[in-house]
Amino acid sequence: MVDVKFLLTALLLMSIQWKMFAQDTFSIVAVDSVTGEVGSAGASCVDLFNTSLSNDDFLGVLLPGKGAINTQAYYLPANQDNATARMNAGDSPEQIIEWLRQNDVEGRPERRQYGIAALDGGSARAAAFTGSSTDDHKGHLVGTHYAIQGNILLGQQVLDSMESRFLAAKGDLACRLMAALQGANVVGADSRCASNGTSSLFAFVKVAQREDEADNPSFVLSVRTRDNSRIEPIDSLQTLFDAAKGCWGLGYPLPVHSERMRIFPNPTNGILHISSPASGTKYRLLNWQGTPLLSGTLENDHSIELTALPGGIYLLLMQNEEGVYAEKVILE
């Protein structure tokens, strides 16, 4: 006789495992041989609130001065670690992918998808791999300095649009990566999110300079949303991005305000009070050049000590399940 309770538990565990490892959907890696920047961006229809993952940018690894690696589709950290080790050893993107195909930790390379871009002396190289057993629609596009890859897609037009936006964009590498993500900002870009009315459930963009420390890029932004929230994460990420960075040489856009949050006094002489409608709102304080200075989590009414900072204009970025917000803060 079948134990129904055992069967249901097994099915639940299988579902959780699929959600954890059947990631991600569309992403890009790129390098800039002139500036030495290396970057990664991506998004997927996976509710990260239901996983143990603490970082929304987990699929991308940046090696300052060397390159960027995205590992996705039935994601396994061990494969990502092996790819990182091969890049540190000096392998080219093509050599890394071939090594991964021959040494998949589960012996199932046909389930994986990789995008790798690297700096090789004064030039750039890139390569990608899409396993035959990744979920349709699947594919990748490779240029001299970038690789764009995706699976479980609405169609080939998602990859084509990402490439077109990336190549047409102005500004530094972060600006071009953000533009690539906007190329996939259509309902059901990850086909699983069509019923949610969004492209995906989380999105990220990050860039490392040559002088950055490993695992600590100087620019990283991400957003995660819940399933059925119907909040477009790429739009939310763009709000954070626009507040933190100016891509067109026109300075910063007007801040986005939330009537449900009170920030006072502003201007302030050193103590900034924030009244949030719910606990768990994450905040980051940046200077006007976009450098993060302070970060934390708001628990309803909260105070931030700014007396150690010089007077000037700062940007306060806040994110919760309702959306993302930016406020200009004046420290006198």
Foldseek 3Di string as FASTA:
>chain_A
DDDVVVVVVVVVVVVLLCLVFQDDFKKKWFADLVQQKTKIKDFHAHFCVSDPDPDLPVQKFDDRSWWIKGKTFRDDVVLVVQLVVVSVVPDDQVRSLVVCQVCVPVNCCLRIKMKIKTHDPSFIAIDIDHHVPRAPPWDWDDDRTMIMTGHLAPDPQLRVQLVVQLVPAAADNQRSRLSSVVSQFAQCRNVVRNVLRTSHFKIKMFMAGNPDDGPGRQDIDMDGEGRNLSDHRSVLRVLVDQQQDDGPPPAGDDWFDDPQKDWDDAQDQFKIKIAHPAWFKKKFKAASNRGTDDIDTDHGIDIDGGNVDDFDKIKMWIDDNVGITIDIGGHD
